[in-house]
Amino acid sequence: MTYWRQPLDRDQVRVPRGIVRIIEERCKGCGFCVEFCPRGVLVMSKQTNTKGYHPPEITDGSGCVNCGLCALLCPDFAIYVENGGLHPPDKIEPVRKSEVKG
């Protein structure tokens, strides 16, 4: 996404990162974690667990911001997030307001 302005303290903000852990044998494939992940880190896998359900899999683990929403919504306690530390923010180049479409 392109923004035409940036916060003044952007270089000082540290982004939290999480490490998503999935216990595949507990999962019943409801998809709540995939549906409500704000960063789109999870997708439903094509493989099945021993119960015949499709558990989620991680697409891009570096995108997780440790919000814990997946663990909060999981009815089977099949997913949790570990603290991955703090990382500097991604590089986003500001553009002029006239260049932004919208």
C-alpha atoms as a PDB file:
ATOM      1  CA  MET A   1       0.000   0.000   0.000  1.00  0.00           C
ATOM      2  CA  THR A   2       1.218   3.471  -0.793  1.00  0.00           C
ATOM      3  CA  TYR A   3       0.787   6.316   1.650  1.00  0.00           C
ATOM      4  CA  TRP A   4       1.287   9.971   0.846  1.00  0.00           C
ATOM      5  CA  ARG A   5       2.563  10.775   4.334  1.00  0.00           C
ATOM      6  CA  GLN A   6       4.313   8.963   7.161  1.00  0.00           C
ATOM      7  CA  PRO A   7       4.263   9.354  10.972  1.00  0.00           C
ATOM      8  CA  LEU A   8       7.090  11.507  12.289  1.00  0.00           C
ATOM      9  CA  ASP A   9       8.339   8.733  14.597  1.00  0.00           C
ATOM     10  CA  ARG A  10       8.195   5.987  11.943  1.00  0.00           C
ATOM     11  CA  ASP A  11      11.901   5.183  12.297  1.00  0.00           C
ATOM     12  CA  GLN A  12      11.513   4.673  16.070  1.00  0.00           C
ATOM     13  CA  VAL A  13       8.518   2.313  15.999  1.00  0.00           C
ATOM     14  CA  ARG A  14       9.349  -1.377  16.442  1.00  0.00           C
ATOM     15  CA  VAL A  15       6.905  -3.875  14.939  1.00  0.00           C
ATOM     16  CA  PRO A  16       6.128  -6.985  17.036  1.00  0.00           C
ATOM     17  CA  ARG A  17       6.568 -10.327  15.303  1.00  0.00           C
ATOM     18  CA  GLY A  18       5.024 -13.652  16.185  1.00  0.00           C
ATOM     19  CA  ILE A  19       5.788 -17.276  15.469  1.00  0.00           C
ATOM     20  CA  VAL A  20       2.608 -19.217  14.660  1.00  0.00           C
ATOM     21  CA  ARG A  21       2.446 -22.800  15.938  1.00  0.00           C
ATOM     22  CA  ILE A  22      -0.261 -25.189  14.726  1.00  0.00           C
ATOM     23  CA  ILE A  23      -1.150 -28.481  16.428  1.00  0.00           C
ATOM     24  CA  GLU A  24      -2.566 -30.213  13.366  1.00  0.00           C
ATOM     25  CA  GLU A  25      -4.083 -33.203  15.174  1.00  0.00           C
ATOM     26  CA  ARG A  26      -6.307 -30.961  17.311  1.00  0.00           C
ATOM     27  CA  CYS A  27      -7.626 -28.972  14.340  1.00  0.00           C
ATOM     28  CA  LYS A  28     -11.110 -29.677  12.971  1.00  0.00           C
ATOM     29  CA  GLY A  29     -10.727 -27.346   9.983  1.00  0.00           C
ATOM     30  CA  CYS A  30     -13.249 -24.667  10.961  1.00  0.00           C
ATOM     31  CA  GLY A  31     -11.191 -21.944   9.244  1.00  0.00           C
ATOM     32  CA  PHE A  32     -11.760 -19.206  11.841  1.00  0.00           C
ATOM     33  CA  CYS A  33      -8.030 -18.537  12.118  1.00  0.00           C
ATOM     34  CA  VAL A  34      -7.682 -18.184   8.344  1.00  0.00           C
ATOM     35  CA  GLU A  35     -10.767 -16.017   7.947  1.00  0.00           C
ATOM     36  CA  PHE A  36      -9.942 -13.523  10.685  1.00  0.00           C
ATOM     37  CA  CYS A  37      -6.142 -13.225  10.393  1.00  0.00           C
ATOM     38  CA  PRO A  38      -5.578  -9.491   9.801  1.00  0.00           C
ATOM     39  CA  ARG A  39      -2.326 -10.063   7.896  1.00  0.00           C
ATOM     40  CA  GLY A  40      -3.353 -13.099   5.799  1.00  0.00           C
ATOM     41  CA  VAL A  41      -0.594 -15.281   7.233  1.00  0.00           C
ATOM     42  CA  LEU A  42      -2.697 -18.482   7.244  1.00  0.00           C
ATOM     43  CA  VAL A  43      -4.419 -20.489   4.496  1.00  0.00           C
ATOM     44  CA  MET A  44      -6.243 -23.818   4.565  1.00  0.00           C
ATOM     45  CA  SER A  45      -3.966 -26.659   3.476  1.00  0.00           C
ATOM     46  CA  LYS A  46      -4.836 -29.281   0.915  1.00  0.00           C
ATOM     47  CA  GLN A  47      -3.501 -32.063   3.153  1.00  0.00           C
ATOM     48  CA  THR A  48      -5.595 -33.659   5.872  1.00  0.00           C
ATOM     49  CA  ASN A  49      -4.802 -34.669   9.442  1.00  0.00           C
ATOM     50  CA  THR A  50      -5.574 -38.143  10.853  1.00  0.00           C
ATOM     51  CA  LYS A  51      -9.187 -37.105  11.541  1.00  0.00           C
ATOM     52  CA  GLY A  52      -9.724 -36.075   7.902  1.00  0.00           C
ATOM     53  CA  TYR A  53      -9.825 -32.312   8.441  1.00  0.00           C
ATOM     54  CA  HIS A  54      -7.824 -29.688   6.562  1.00  0.00           C
ATOM     55  CA  PRO A  55      -5.722 -27.751   9.106  1.00  0.00           C
ATOM     56  CA  PRO A  56      -4.348 -24.290   8.318  1.00  0.00           C
ATOM     57  CA  GLU A  57      -0.816 -23.747   7.107  1.00  0.00           C
ATOM     58  CA  ILE A  58       1.451 -20.735   7.253  1.00  0.00           C
ATOM     59  CA  THR A  59       2.048 -18.843   4.011  1.00  0.00           C
ATOM     60  CA  ASP A  60       4.339 -16.062   5.219  1.00  0.00           C
ATOM     61  CA  GLY A  61       5.437 -16.343   8.841  1.00  0.00           C
ATOM     62  CA  SER A  62       7.299 -13.035   8.712  1.00  0.00           C
ATOM     63  CA  GLY A  63       3.985 -11.186   8.309  1.00  0.00           C
ATOM     64  CA  CYS A  64       2.645 -12.210  11.728  1.00  0.00           C
ATOM     65  CA  VAL A  65       2.372  -9.260  14.142  1.00  0.00           C
ATOM     66  CA  ASN A  66       1.643 -11.385  17.245  1.00  0.00           C
ATOM     67  CA  CYS A  67      -1.943 -10.193  17.639  1.00  0.00           C
ATOM     68  CA  GLY A  68      -3.060 -13.615  18.922  1.00  0.00           C
ATOM     69  CA  LEU A  69      -6.438 -13.426  17.192  1.00  0.00           C
ATOM     70  CA  CYS A  70      -6.030 -16.899  15.674  1.00  0.00           C
ATOM     71  CA  ALA A  71      -5.407 -18.446  19.090  1.00  0.00           C
ATOM     72  CA  LEU A  72      -8.274 -16.515  20.638  1.00  0.00           C
ATOM     73  CA  LEU A  73     -10.796 -17.679  18.029  1.00  0.00           C
ATOM     74  CA  CYS A  74      -9.714 -21.334  17.787  1.00  0.00           C
ATOM     75  CA  PRO A  75     -12.397 -23.480  19.471  1.00  0.00           C
ATOM     76  CA  ASP A  76     -10.030 -26.472  19.736  1.00  0.00           C
ATOM     77  CA  PHE A  77      -6.909 -24.689  21.056  1.00  0.00           C
ATOM     78  CA  ALA A  78      -5.039 -26.010  18.010  1.00  0.00           C
ATOM     79  CA  ILE A  79      -3.074 -22.843  17.298  1.00  0.00           C
ATOM     80  CA  TYR A  80      -0.978 -20.467  19.350  1.00  0.00           C
ATOM     81  CA  VAL A  81       1.506 -17.671  18.766  1.00  0.00           C
ATOM     82  CA  GLU A  82       4.906 -17.303  20.391  1.00  0.00           C
ATOM     83  CA  ASN A  83       6.675 -13.997  20.799  1.00  0.00           C
ATOM     84  CA  GLY A  84       9.125 -13.504  17.950  1.00  0.00           C
ATOM     85  CA  GLY A  85      10.640 -10.273  19.227  1.00  0.00           C
ATOM     86  CA  LEU A  86      10.599  -6.786  17.758  1.00  0.00           C
ATOM     87  CA  HIS A  87      11.776  -5.843  14.298  1.00  0.00           C
ATOM     88  CA  PRO A  88      12.246  -2.498  12.582  1.00  0.00           C
ATOM     89  CA  PRO A  89       9.346  -1.391  10.378  1.00  0.00           C
ATOM     90  CA  ASP A  90       9.206  -2.273   6.709  1.00  0.00           C
ATOM     91  CA  LYS A  91      10.566   0.304   4.327  1.00  0.00           C
ATOM     92  CA  ILE A  92       7.705   2.287   2.818  1.00  0.00           C
ATOM     93  CA  GLU A  93       8.650   5.082   0.533  1.00  0.00           C
ATOM     94  CA  PRO A  94       6.418   8.147   0.864  1.00  0.00           C
ATOM     95  CA  VAL A  95       4.931   9.561  -2.331  1.00  0.00           C
ATOM     96  CA  ARG A  96       3.453  12.910  -3.204  1.00  0.00           C
ATOM     97  CA  LYS A  97      -0.237  13.383  -2.555  1.00  0.00           C
ATOM     98  CA  SER A  98      -0.853  14.064  -6.245  1.00  0.00           C
ATOM     99  CA  GLU A  99       0.489  10.572  -7.123  1.00  0.00           C
ATOM    100  CA  VAL A 100      -1.999   8.687  -4.907  1.00  0.00           C
ATOM    101  CA  LYS A 101      -5.027   7.322  -6.744  1.00  0.00           C
ATOM    102  CA  GLY A 102      -8.232   7.303  -4.823  1.00  0.00           C
END
